[in-house]
């Protein structure tokens, strides 16, 4: 072991160990700390961690935060381990807005502050600034976490304030916010449209934008994370006879959407994006309305 080059130990061995052990290994020496902190190491470690046995789900309730392994064979959770919040918070105060490779973007609901948080290593970073960047308002703002071609982790913050839309990007490497242009239809600024959180897939952040009434407009807004250009694509061709909602999911770097529509009876279909067009891959039986009994 003593004859192995440091580069081999770091990139061939430590990229395969759990994140907690990587954190402990940073204390070995300054050289290891520098190598384990590089974007190349983070990228390789993340790619080798994306196996089913490493998947976890984090649950937050009023008093505790717990992490559970996912048991795919039985569609269940394994025994939990308690995670202590490393930052000051109040009960029922932390909302998870976006996630990527084990890194979370969360909001402290009582102060509206945004944070980046790694529950495995407990490291966190406040994103709020004195000039009002990094503050999130529920039902008005949208957040997307992504990594660009330079392996820089970034946060896209779309803010709607009194009919004015602002788009800001936070860079983890530079540790600062900057404004970018966003040309879109004026009606999307209205609070009558619900914006989803961003889903990162194939170098693009995707947001569903749905109008809050029957027969309203529903679109998908795409943000190319390298060119920083926005474009609009159509929603899957679902019936507009009821309320419409789309939930985006990245499955093996392919974008899927669970699209639901209906009023008293809900229909849910699974679609996959190919190019700029949606292809239906699964139709679920209609979900009947819940019958209520009067006592």
Protein backbone atom coordinates (compact mmCIF):
# COMPACT_ATOMS: atom_id res chain seq x y z
CA UNK A 1 0.00 0.00 0.00
CA UNK A 2 2.86 2.37 0.81
CA UNK A 3 4.23 1.91 -2.72
CA UNK A 4 1.00 2.98 -4.43
CA UNK A 5 1.04 6.46 -5.99
CA UNK A 6 -1.20 8.98 -4.24
CA UNK A 7 -3.10 9.59 -7.48
CA UNK A 8 -4.00 5.87 -7.68
CA UNK A 9 -5.18 5.79 -4.05
CA UNK A 10 -7.35 8.86 -4.51
CA UNK A 11 -8.89 8.26 -7.94
CA UNK A 12 -9.01 4.45 -8.09
CA UNK A 13 -9.75 3.57 -4.45
CA UNK A 14 -11.27 6.54 -2.63
CA UNK A 15 -13.71 7.26 -5.48
CA UNK A 16 -15.33 3.93 -4.55
CA UNK A 17 -15.77 4.47 -0.79
CA UNK A 18 -18.76 6.12 0.96
CA UNK A 19 -18.86 9.91 1.15
CA UNK A 20 -18.37 9.92 4.95
CA UNK A 21 -15.08 8.06 4.55
CA UNK A 22 -14.01 10.53 1.87
CA UNK A 23 -14.65 13.35 4.35
CA UNK A 24 -12.51 11.63 6.97
CA UNK A 25 -9.74 11.01 4.41
CA UNK A 26 -9.40 14.77 3.83
CA UNK A 27 -7.74 14.96 7.25
CA UNK A 28 -4.82 12.72 6.23
CA UNK A 29 -2.66 15.47 4.74
CA UNK A 30 -2.86 18.67 2.70
CA UNK A 31 -2.21 16.81 -0.56
CA UNK A 32 -5.13 14.44 0.00
CA UNK A 33 -7.37 17.35 1.04
CA UNK A 34 -6.56 19.20 -2.20
CA UNK A 35 -7.11 16.14 -4.44
CA UNK A 36 -10.33 15.08 -2.70
CA UNK A 37 -11.72 18.61 -3.11
CA UNK A 38 -11.26 18.79 -6.89
CA UNK A 39 -14.21 18.77 -9.27
CA UNK A 40 -12.67 15.76 -11.07
CA UNK A 41 -12.79 13.70 -7.88
CA UNK A 42 -16.37 14.79 -7.11
CA UNK A 43 -17.51 13.90 -10.63
CA UNK A 44 -15.91 10.44 -10.62
CA UNK A 45 -17.11 9.67 -7.07
CA UNK A 46 -20.69 10.65 -7.97
CA UNK A 47 -20.70 8.54 -11.15
CA UNK A 48 -19.49 5.48 -9.24
CA UNK A 49 -22.03 6.02 -6.46
CA UNK A 50 -25.06 5.96 -8.78
CA UNK A 51 -25.97 2.31 -8.20
CA UNK A 52 -29.18 0.97 -6.70
CA UNK A 53 -27.53 -0.21 -3.48
CA UNK A 54 -26.39 3.37 -2.76
CA UNK A 55 -29.77 5.06 -3.23
CA UNK A 56 -31.22 6.77 -0.16
CA UNK A 57 -34.34 8.76 0.67
CA UNK A 58 -34.32 11.63 3.16
CA UNK A 59 -37.47 12.31 5.18
CA UNK A 60 -38.12 15.46 7.21
CA UNK A 61 -40.90 15.80 9.75
CA UNK A 62 -41.60 18.30 12.52
CA UNK A 63 -38.83 17.16 14.84
CA UNK A 64 -36.39 14.87 13.04
CA UNK A 65 -34.60 14.25 9.77
CA UNK A 66 -33.88 10.64 8.80
CA UNK A 67 -32.19 8.82 5.93
CA UNK A 68 -33.44 5.43 4.73
CA UNK A 69 -31.92 2.98 2.23
CA UNK A 70 -34.30 2.04 -0.57
CA UNK A 71 -35.17 -1.65 -0.91
CA UNK A 72 -36.15 -1.90 -4.58
CA UNK A 73 -37.12 -5.59 -4.39
CA UNK A 74 -39.95 -4.89 -1.94
CA UNK A 75 -40.62 -1.23 -2.84
CA UNK A 76 -39.91 -0.27 0.76
CA UNK A 77 -37.49 1.64 2.97
CA UNK A 78 -34.81 0.11 5.19
CA UNK A 79 -33.96 1.05 8.79
CA UNK A 80 -33.43 4.76 9.28
CA UNK A 81 -30.47 6.72 10.56
CA UNK A 82 -31.07 10.10 12.16
CA UNK A 83 -29.47 13.16 10.58
CA UNK A 84 -28.85 16.22 12.73
CA UNK A 85 -29.42 19.58 11.11
CA UNK A 86 -26.08 21.44 11.19
CA UNK A 87 -27.78 24.83 10.85
CA UNK A 88 -30.24 26.70 13.04
CA UNK A 89 -33.88 25.96 12.22
CA UNK A 90 -37.33 25.81 13.77
CA UNK A 91 -39.79 22.90 13.81
CA UNK A 92 -41.29 22.12 10.40
CA UNK A 93 -39.02 24.80 9.00
CA UNK A 94 -36.85 23.14 6.31
CA UNK A 95 -38.18 22.60 2.77
CA UNK A 96 -36.23 20.64 0.15
CA UNK A 97 -36.45 22.52 -3.15
CA UNK A 98 -34.00 20.65 -5.41
CA UNK A 99 -31.40 17.88 -5.26
CA UNK A 100 -28.50 16.56 -7.32
CA UNK A 101 -25.90 13.89 -6.56
CA UNK A 102 -26.66 13.97 -2.83
CA UNK A 103 -26.50 17.78 -2.61
CA UNK A 104 -29.69 19.55 -1.53
CA UNK A 105 -30.93 23.09 -2.05
CA UNK A 106 -33.21 23.85 0.91
CA UNK A 107 -35.15 26.81 2.25
CA UNK A 108 -35.52 27.90 5.88
CA UNK A 109 -39.21 28.79 5.88
CA UNK A 110 -39.13 31.29 8.74
CA UNK A 111 -36.36 33.42 7.16
CA UNK A 112 -36.85 32.48 3.45
CA UNK A 113 -33.08 31.82 3.20
CA UNK A 114 -31.64 29.38 0.65
CA UNK A 115 -28.92 26.92 1.63
CA UNK A 116 -26.86 24.24 -0.07
CA UNK A 117 -26.62 21.21 2.23
CA UNK A 118 -24.88 17.85 2.03
CA UNK A 119 -26.66 15.61 4.60
CA UNK A 120 -23.91 12.96 4.34
CA UNK A 121 -20.99 15.21 5.24
CA UNK A 122 -23.21 17.76 7.14
CA UNK A 123 -21.50 20.60 5.24
CA UNK A 124 -23.76 23.53 4.31
CA UNK A 125 -23.56 26.95 2.71
CA UNK A 126 -25.87 29.96 3.14
CA UNK A 127 -26.76 31.45 -0.25
CA UNK A 128 -28.53 34.58 0.98
CA UNK A 129 -26.74 37.92 0.62
CA UNK A 130 -27.31 41.47 1.98
CA UNK A 131 -28.45 42.61 -1.49
CA UNK A 132 -31.50 40.29 -1.34
CA UNK A 133 -30.15 37.38 -3.37
CA UNK A 134 -30.86 33.86 -2.15
CA UNK A 135 -34.28 34.42 -0.57
CA UNK A 136 -37.12 32.12 -1.68
CA UNK A 137 -40.89 32.73 -1.59
CA UNK A 138 -43.11 29.67 -1.93
CA UNK A 139 -45.64 29.61 -4.81
CA UNK A 140 -43.82 32.48 -6.55
CA UNK A 141 -40.26 31.24 -7.06
CA UNK A 142 -38.71 28.21 -8.76
CA UNK A 143 -35.35 26.57 -8.03
CA UNK A 144 -33.16 24.23 -10.07
CA UNK A 145 -29.84 22.66 -9.05
CA UNK A 146 -27.45 21.62 -11.82
CA UNK A 147 -23.81 21.11 -12.84
CA UNK A 148 -22.35 22.68 -15.99
CA UNK A 149 -19.69 21.48 -18.44
CA UNK A 150 -16.95 22.75 -16.10
CA UNK A 151 -18.32 20.61 -13.24
CA UNK A 152 -19.39 23.73 -11.36
CA UNK A 153 -22.49 23.14 -9.22
CA UNK A 154 -24.98 25.98 -9.70
CA UNK A 155 -28.43 27.07 -8.57
CA UNK A 156 -30.94 28.68 -10.93
CA UNK A 157 -33.39 30.94 -9.06
CA UNK A 158 -36.46 32.22 -10.92
CA UNK A 159 -38.14 35.01 -8.93
CA UNK A 160 -41.55 36.58 -9.53
CA UNK A 161 -42.09 39.81 -7.62
CA UNK A 162 -45.05 42.13 -8.33
CA UNK A 163 -45.24 41.20 -12.01
CA UNK A 164 -41.47 41.40 -12.52
CA UNK A 165 -39.48 38.28 -13.29
CA UNK A 166 -35.79 37.99 -12.41
CA UNK A 167 -33.50 35.06 -13.12
CA UNK A 168 -30.31 34.55 -11.12
CA UNK A 169 -27.54 31.96 -11.13
CA UNK A 170 -25.43 31.07 -8.10
CA UNK A 171 -22.02 29.49 -8.77
CA UNK A 172 -20.55 27.28 -6.07
CA UNK A 173 -17.06 27.77 -7.49
CA UNK A 174 -17.24 31.58 -7.64
CA UNK A 175 -19.54 31.83 -4.58
CA UNK A 176 -21.66 34.65 -5.99
CA UNK A 177 -24.97 35.41 -7.73
CA UNK A 178 -25.44 37.04 -11.15
CA UNK A 179 -28.44 38.00 -13.23
CA UNK A 180 -29.15 36.41 -16.63
CA UNK A 181 -31.77 37.41 -19.24
CA UNK A 182 -35.01 35.49 -19.59
CA UNK A 183 -37.29 36.21 -22.55
CA UNK A 184 -40.65 34.54 -22.11
CA UNK A 185 -44.35 35.23 -22.44
CA UNK A 186 -45.62 37.96 -20.16
CA UNK A 187 -48.48 35.83 -18.84
CA UNK A 188 -46.05 33.39 -17.17
CA UNK A 189 -45.26 36.17 -14.69
CA UNK A 190 -48.79 35.88 -13.32
CA UNK A 191 -49.34 34.07 -10.00
CA UNK A 192 -52.04 32.10 -11.85
CA UNK A 193 -49.21 29.90 -13.19
CA UNK A 194 -47.55 27.28 -11.02
CA UNK A 195 -43.83 26.64 -11.67
CA UNK A 196 -42.37 23.29 -10.65
CA UNK A 197 -38.87 22.79 -9.28
CA UNK A 198 -36.26 22.24 -11.98
CA UNK A 199 -35.34 18.70 -13.03
CA UNK A 200 -31.80 18.33 -14.40
CA UNK A 201 -31.35 15.94 -17.32
CA UNK A 202 -28.84 15.81 -20.18
CA UNK A 203 -27.41 19.30 -19.69
CA UNK A 204 -30.85 20.95 -19.39
CA UNK A 205 -33.08 22.07 -16.54
CA UNK A 206 -36.78 21.45 -17.15
CA UNK A 207 -39.70 23.22 -15.44
CA UNK A 208 -43.42 22.56 -15.83
CA UNK A 209 -45.51 25.75 -15.98
CA UNK A 210 -49.23 25.11 -15.49
CA UNK A 211 -52.13 27.54 -15.33
CA UNK A 212 -54.31 27.14 -12.26
CA UNK A 213 -57.67 26.48 -13.89
CA UNK A 214 -59.38 23.98 -16.18
CA UNK A 215 -58.40 24.37 -19.82
CA UNK A 216 -55.49 26.65 -18.95
CA UNK A 217 -52.10 26.81 -20.67
CA UNK A 218 -49.51 24.15 -19.79
CA UNK A 219 -45.93 24.25 -21.11
CA UNK A 220 -42.43 23.04 -20.30
CA UNK A 221 -39.64 25.63 -19.97
CA UNK A 222 -36.12 24.36 -20.81
CA UNK A 223 -32.87 25.96 -19.64
CA UNK A 224 -29.65 24.92 -21.39
CA UNK A 225 -27.14 25.08 -18.53
CA UNK A 226 -24.10 25.70 -20.77
CA UNK A 227 -25.47 28.31 -23.21
CA UNK A 228 -27.81 29.71 -20.50
CA UNK A 229 -30.59 30.01 -23.06
CA UNK A 230 -34.27 29.33 -22.40
CA UNK A 231 -36.82 27.80 -24.73
CA UNK A 232 -40.38 26.55 -24.50
CA UNK A 233 -41.65 23.13 -25.58
CA UNK A 234 -45.15 21.75 -25.57
CA UNK A 235 -46.75 19.78 -22.77
CA UNK A 236 -47.75 16.16 -23.49
CA UNK A 237 -51.08 16.10 -25.37
CA UNK A 238 -53.27 15.26 -22.37
CA UNK A 239 -57.00 16.11 -22.24
CA UNK A 240 -57.75 19.54 -20.81
CA UNK A 241 -61.11 18.54 -19.35
CA UNK A 242 -59.80 18.86 -15.80
CA UNK A 243 -56.90 20.13 -13.77
CA UNK A 244 -53.54 19.21 -15.34
CA UNK A 245 -50.33 18.50 -13.47
CA UNK A 246 -46.96 17.15 -14.61
CA UNK A 247 -44.22 15.62 -12.44
CA UNK A 248 -40.80 15.37 -14.09
CA UNK A 249 -38.36 12.54 -13.33
CA UNK A 250 -34.84 11.84 -14.58
CA UNK A 251 -34.43 8.08 -15.15
CA UNK A 252 -30.96 7.06 -16.38
CA UNK A 253 -30.49 10.49 -17.96
CA UNK A 254 -33.81 10.30 -19.83
CA UNK A 255 -36.59 12.74 -18.96
CA UNK A 256 -39.99 11.30 -18.07
CA UNK A 257 -43.22 12.95 -16.98
CA UNK A 258 -46.14 11.61 -14.99
CA UNK A 259 -49.00 13.72 -16.40
CA UNK A 260 -52.29 13.70 -14.52
CA UNK A 261 -55.57 15.23 -15.64
CA UNK A 262 -59.17 15.12 -14.51
CA UNK A 263 -61.56 16.52 -11.98
CA UNK A 264 -63.66 13.85 -10.28
CA UNK A 265 -61.76 11.00 -11.93
CA UNK A 266 -58.00 11.29 -12.45
CA UNK A 267 -56.03 9.82 -15.34
CA UNK A 268 -52.25 9.42 -15.07
CA UNK A 269 -50.00 8.68 -18.05
CA UNK A 270 -46.23 8.23 -18.25
CA UNK A 271 -44.45 10.08 -21.07
CA UNK A 272 -40.81 10.24 -22.17
CA UNK A 273 -39.15 13.15 -23.98
CA UNK A 274 -37.48 12.41 -27.32
CA UNK A 275 -36.00 15.54 -28.84
CA UNK A 276 -38.68 18.17 -28.23
CA UNK A 277 -41.61 15.74 -28.43
CA UNK A 278 -43.34 13.55 -25.85
CA UNK A 279 -43.95 9.83 -26.41
CA UNK A 280 -46.49 8.00 -24.25
CA UNK A 281 -44.99 4.86 -22.70
CA UNK A 282 -47.65 3.86 -20.14
CA UNK A 283 -51.31 4.55 -19.40
CA UNK A 284 -52.70 3.91 -15.95
CA UNK A 285 -56.35 2.99 -15.29
CA UNK A 286 -58.47 5.99 -14.23
CA UNK A 287 -58.48 6.67 -10.50
CA UNK A 288 -62.10 6.88 -9.26
CA UNK A 289 -63.16 9.67 -6.91
CA UNK A 290 -63.00 9.03 -3.19
CA UNK A 291 -66.44 8.20 -1.84
CA UNK A 292 -67.31 10.07 1.35
CA UNK A 293 -69.70 8.71 3.93
CA UNK A 294 -71.75 11.03 6.15
CA UNK A 295 -72.04 9.88 9.73
